[in-house]
Amino acid sequence: MNEKGLLKIRGRQKKQKLLVLENLRRFPVIQVVCDKVGISRATYYRWVNESSNFAEAAEQAILEGSQVINDVAEAKLFKAIQAENPTAIIFWLKHRNKNYRVNVHAEAHIGPIERDTLSDDEKERLDKMMWIASQGCLECEKKYEKDMKKLNKKYPEKARDDQKSKELDRILEQNPLKFRNHN
């Protein structure tokens, strides 16, 4: 392909990328946006993998779009509550007031585990499962990842595993192993 053709393709892709970002801010569903802009999901993910700038911008656009959708949903919920819709009222109370939450408690007894017999990957997965269980929800996985990054920065390589284990033990002591609803 000649240089003129490549410039034309790059120009079209730049416009498409801007349209993708603009549409993600309004409706943060990748497939719908790809269909609207006229590109495939494979193209979208190729752009994400090829450009960290585009990947970051797309992630930010999805976050902004999600916030807009959340605001719209909350507004609709408030209207339903004002219209005395019992389902909306119950939903709000269960999710916003601890006195109306359904408390679920789950325990698991897996017997003693010798950490020395586990691979590093198994230790990390076990720590992750225990931490998530101690927090009570799968949404906490992102917080776990963030906390692990902080711990990895905080402790030097040699001391990291022991220090990380102590820090996780401290976290688990503060948050007993149970599932609970929270905001």
Protein backbone atom coordinates (compact mmCIF):
# COMPACT_ATOMS: atom_id res chain seq x y z
CA MET A 1 0.00 0.00 0.00
CA ASN A 2 1.29 3.46 -0.80
CA GLU A 3 1.88 6.20 1.71
CA LYS A 4 -1.22 8.13 0.69
CA GLY A 5 -3.39 5.05 1.38
CA LEU A 6 -1.77 4.53 4.80
CA LEU A 7 -2.40 8.15 5.76
CA LYS A 8 -6.04 7.79 4.74
CA ILE A 9 -6.42 4.63 6.88
CA ARG A 10 -4.73 6.27 9.88
CA GLY A 11 -6.97 9.31 9.57
CA ARG A 12 -10.08 7.13 9.45
CA GLN A 13 -8.89 5.11 12.46
CA LYS A 14 -8.20 8.29 14.44
CA LYS A 15 -11.75 9.49 13.78
CA GLN A 16 -13.14 6.06 14.70
CA LYS A 17 -11.15 5.98 17.94
CA LEU A 18 -12.49 9.40 18.90
CA LEU A 19 -16.03 8.24 18.11
CA VAL A 20 -15.51 5.12 20.22
CA LEU A 21 -14.36 7.20 23.20
CA GLU A 22 -17.20 9.69 22.78
CA ASN A 23 -19.79 6.91 22.61
CA LEU A 24 -18.32 5.00 25.57
CA ARG A 25 -18.84 8.13 27.68
CA ARG A 26 -22.55 8.00 26.84
CA PHE A 27 -23.14 4.24 26.79
CA PRO A 28 -20.34 2.14 28.30
CA VAL A 29 -21.01 -1.14 26.47
CA ILE A 30 -18.17 -2.06 24.13
CA GLN A 31 -20.19 -4.23 21.70
CA VAL A 32 -22.90 -1.60 21.26
CA VAL A 33 -20.34 1.16 20.69
CA CYS A 34 -18.38 -0.98 18.20
CA ASP A 35 -21.58 -1.67 16.24
CA LYS A 36 -22.50 2.02 16.26
CA VAL A 37 -19.05 3.14 15.08
CA GLY A 38 -18.81 0.34 12.51
CA ILE A 39 -15.82 -1.59 13.85
CA SER A 40 -15.48 -5.11 15.22
CA ARG A 41 -14.75 -5.96 18.85
CA ALA A 42 -11.47 -7.46 17.60
CA THR A 43 -10.49 -4.07 16.18
CA TYR A 44 -11.38 -2.34 19.46
CA TYR A 45 -9.26 -4.79 21.49
CA ARG A 46 -6.41 -4.57 18.96
CA TRP A 47 -6.39 -0.79 19.47
CA VAL A 48 -6.42 -1.30 23.25
CA ASN A 49 -3.47 -3.71 23.03
CA GLU A 50 -1.51 -1.54 20.60
CA SER A 51 -1.90 1.76 22.41
CA SER A 52 -1.70 2.26 26.16
CA ASN A 53 -2.98 5.83 25.62
CA PHE A 54 -6.11 4.54 23.87
CA ALA A 55 -6.51 1.80 26.51
CA GLU A 56 -6.38 4.36 29.33
CA ALA A 57 -8.72 6.74 27.52
CA ALA A 58 -11.20 3.91 26.84
CA GLU A 59 -11.09 2.78 30.47
CA GLN A 60 -11.71 6.36 31.63
CA ALA A 61 -14.54 6.78 29.10
CA ILE A 62 -16.18 3.55 30.33
CA LEU A 63 -15.88 4.77 33.92
CA GLU A 64 -17.45 8.13 33.03
CA GLY A 65 -20.21 6.42 31.06
CA SER A 66 -20.91 4.05 33.96
CA GLN A 67 -21.20 7.00 36.32
CA VAL A 68 -23.72 8.64 34.00
CA ILE A 69 -25.78 5.42 33.81
CA ASN A 70 -25.60 5.09 37.61
CA ASP A 71 -26.88 8.65 38.01
CA VAL A 72 -29.76 7.96 35.60
CA ALA A 73 -30.62 4.72 37.43
CA GLU A 74 -30.58 6.46 40.81
CA ALA A 75 -32.83 9.21 39.48
CA LYS A 76 -35.30 6.58 38.21
CA LEU A 77 -35.11 4.80 41.57
CA PHE A 78 -35.87 8.04 43.43
CA LYS A 79 -38.86 8.65 41.17
CA ALA A 80 -40.11 5.12 41.85
CA ILE A 81 -39.69 5.66 45.61
CA GLN A 82 -41.59 8.95 45.39
CA ALA A 83 -44.35 7.10 43.53
CA GLU A 84 -44.48 4.75 46.56
CA ASN A 85 -43.27 1.73 44.58
CA PRO A 86 -42.71 -0.92 47.30
CA THR A 87 -40.04 -2.78 45.32
CA ALA A 88 -38.00 0.40 44.91
CA ILE A 89 -38.43 1.25 48.59
CA ILE A 90 -37.30 -2.22 49.67
CA PHE A 91 -34.36 -2.15 47.26
CA TRP A 92 -33.20 1.21 48.61
CA LEU A 93 -33.50 0.16 52.24
CA LYS A 94 -31.74 -3.19 51.74
CA HIS A 95 -28.82 -1.58 49.93
CA ARG A 96 -28.50 1.70 51.84
CA ASN A 97 -29.56 0.96 55.41
CA LYS A 98 -27.78 -1.70 57.46
CA ASN A 99 -30.91 -2.27 59.58
CA TYR A 100 -32.73 -3.72 56.54
CA ARG A 101 -29.94 -5.81 55.05
CA VAL A 102 -30.09 -9.54 54.82
CA ASN A 103 -27.11 -10.79 56.76
CA VAL A 104 -25.39 -13.83 55.35
CA HIS A 105 -22.70 -15.65 57.21
CA ALA A 106 -20.60 -18.37 55.62
CA GLU A 107 -17.73 -20.32 57.06
CA ALA A 108 -15.41 -22.79 55.42
CA HIS A 109 -13.30 -25.35 57.22
CA ILE A 110 -10.64 -26.75 54.94
CA GLY A 111 -8.33 -28.20 57.54
CA PRO A 112 -4.75 -27.26 58.19
CA ILE A 113 -2.65 -26.22 55.24
CA GLU A 114 1.10 -26.34 55.32
CA ARG A 115 2.08 -23.17 53.46
CA ASP A 116 5.51 -24.64 52.84
CA THR A 117 3.97 -27.31 50.59
CA LEU A 118 2.20 -24.77 48.38
CA SER A 119 3.69 -23.21 45.27
CA ASP A 120 4.03 -19.42 45.18
CA ASP A 121 1.05 -19.26 42.81
CA GLU A 122 -1.07 -21.40 45.15
CA LYS A 123 -0.06 -19.25 48.14
CA GLU A 124 -1.02 -16.10 46.27
CA ARG A 125 -4.39 -17.56 45.19
CA LEU A 126 -5.11 -18.78 48.73
CA ASP A 127 -4.22 -15.38 50.18
CA LYS A 128 -6.44 -13.71 47.59
CA MET A 129 -9.41 -16.01 48.34
CA MET A 130 -9.03 -15.51 52.08
CA TRP A 131 -8.76 -11.76 51.73
CA ILE A 132 -11.83 -11.54 49.47
CA ALA A 133 -13.80 -13.81 51.82
CA SER A 134 -12.78 -11.66 54.79
CA GLN A 135 -14.10 -8.57 53.01
CA GLY A 136 -17.39 -10.19 52.16
CA CYS A 137 -17.82 -9.52 48.47
CA LEU A 138 -16.31 -10.15 45.08
CA GLU A 139 -16.22 -6.40 44.37
CA CYS A 140 -13.44 -6.29 46.96
CA GLU A 141 -11.12 -8.04 44.52
CA LYS A 142 -10.09 -4.67 43.07
CA LYS A 143 -9.29 -3.40 46.55
CA TYR A 144 -7.23 -6.54 47.16
CA GLU A 145 -5.20 -5.91 44.00
CA LYS A 146 -4.65 -2.29 45.06
CA ASP A 147 -3.58 -3.34 48.57
CA MET A 148 -1.20 -5.96 47.16
CA LYS A 149 0.44 -3.33 44.95
CA LYS A 150 0.93 -1.14 48.03
CA LEU A 151 2.42 -4.06 49.99
CA ASN A 152 4.74 -4.96 47.12
CA LYS A 153 6.03 -1.37 47.04
CA LYS A 154 6.27 -1.15 50.82
CA TYR A 155 8.46 -4.21 51.43
CA PRO A 156 11.76 -5.11 49.75
CA GLU A 157 11.91 -8.29 47.64
CA LYS A 158 13.52 -10.54 50.31
CA ALA A 159 11.14 -9.65 53.11
CA ARG A 160 8.08 -9.28 50.92
CA ASP A 161 6.50 -12.74 51.36
CA ASP A 162 6.87 -12.80 55.15
CA GLN A 163 5.78 -9.18 55.55
CA LYS A 164 2.89 -9.65 53.13
CA SER A 165 1.73 -12.71 55.07
CA LYS A 166 1.88 -10.78 58.35
CA GLU A 167 -0.04 -7.87 56.81
CA LEU A 168 -2.67 -10.25 55.41
CA ASP A 169 -2.94 -11.97 58.81
CA ARG A 170 -3.54 -8.55 60.38
CA ILE A 171 -6.23 -7.77 57.82
CA LEU A 172 -7.90 -11.14 58.42
CA GLU A 173 -7.86 -10.63 62.19
CA GLN A 174 -9.62 -7.30 61.77
CA ASN A 175 -12.17 -8.78 59.34
CA PRO A 176 -13.28 -12.25 60.44
CA LEU A 177 -13.98 -14.76 57.68
CA LYS A 178 -17.60 -14.09 56.80
CA PHE A 179 -19.67 -12.79 53.95
CA ARG A 180 -21.58 -9.63 54.66
CA ASN A 181 -23.39 -7.00 52.65
CA HIS A 182 -21.86 -3.55 52.58
CA ASN A 183 -21.84 -0.40 50.43
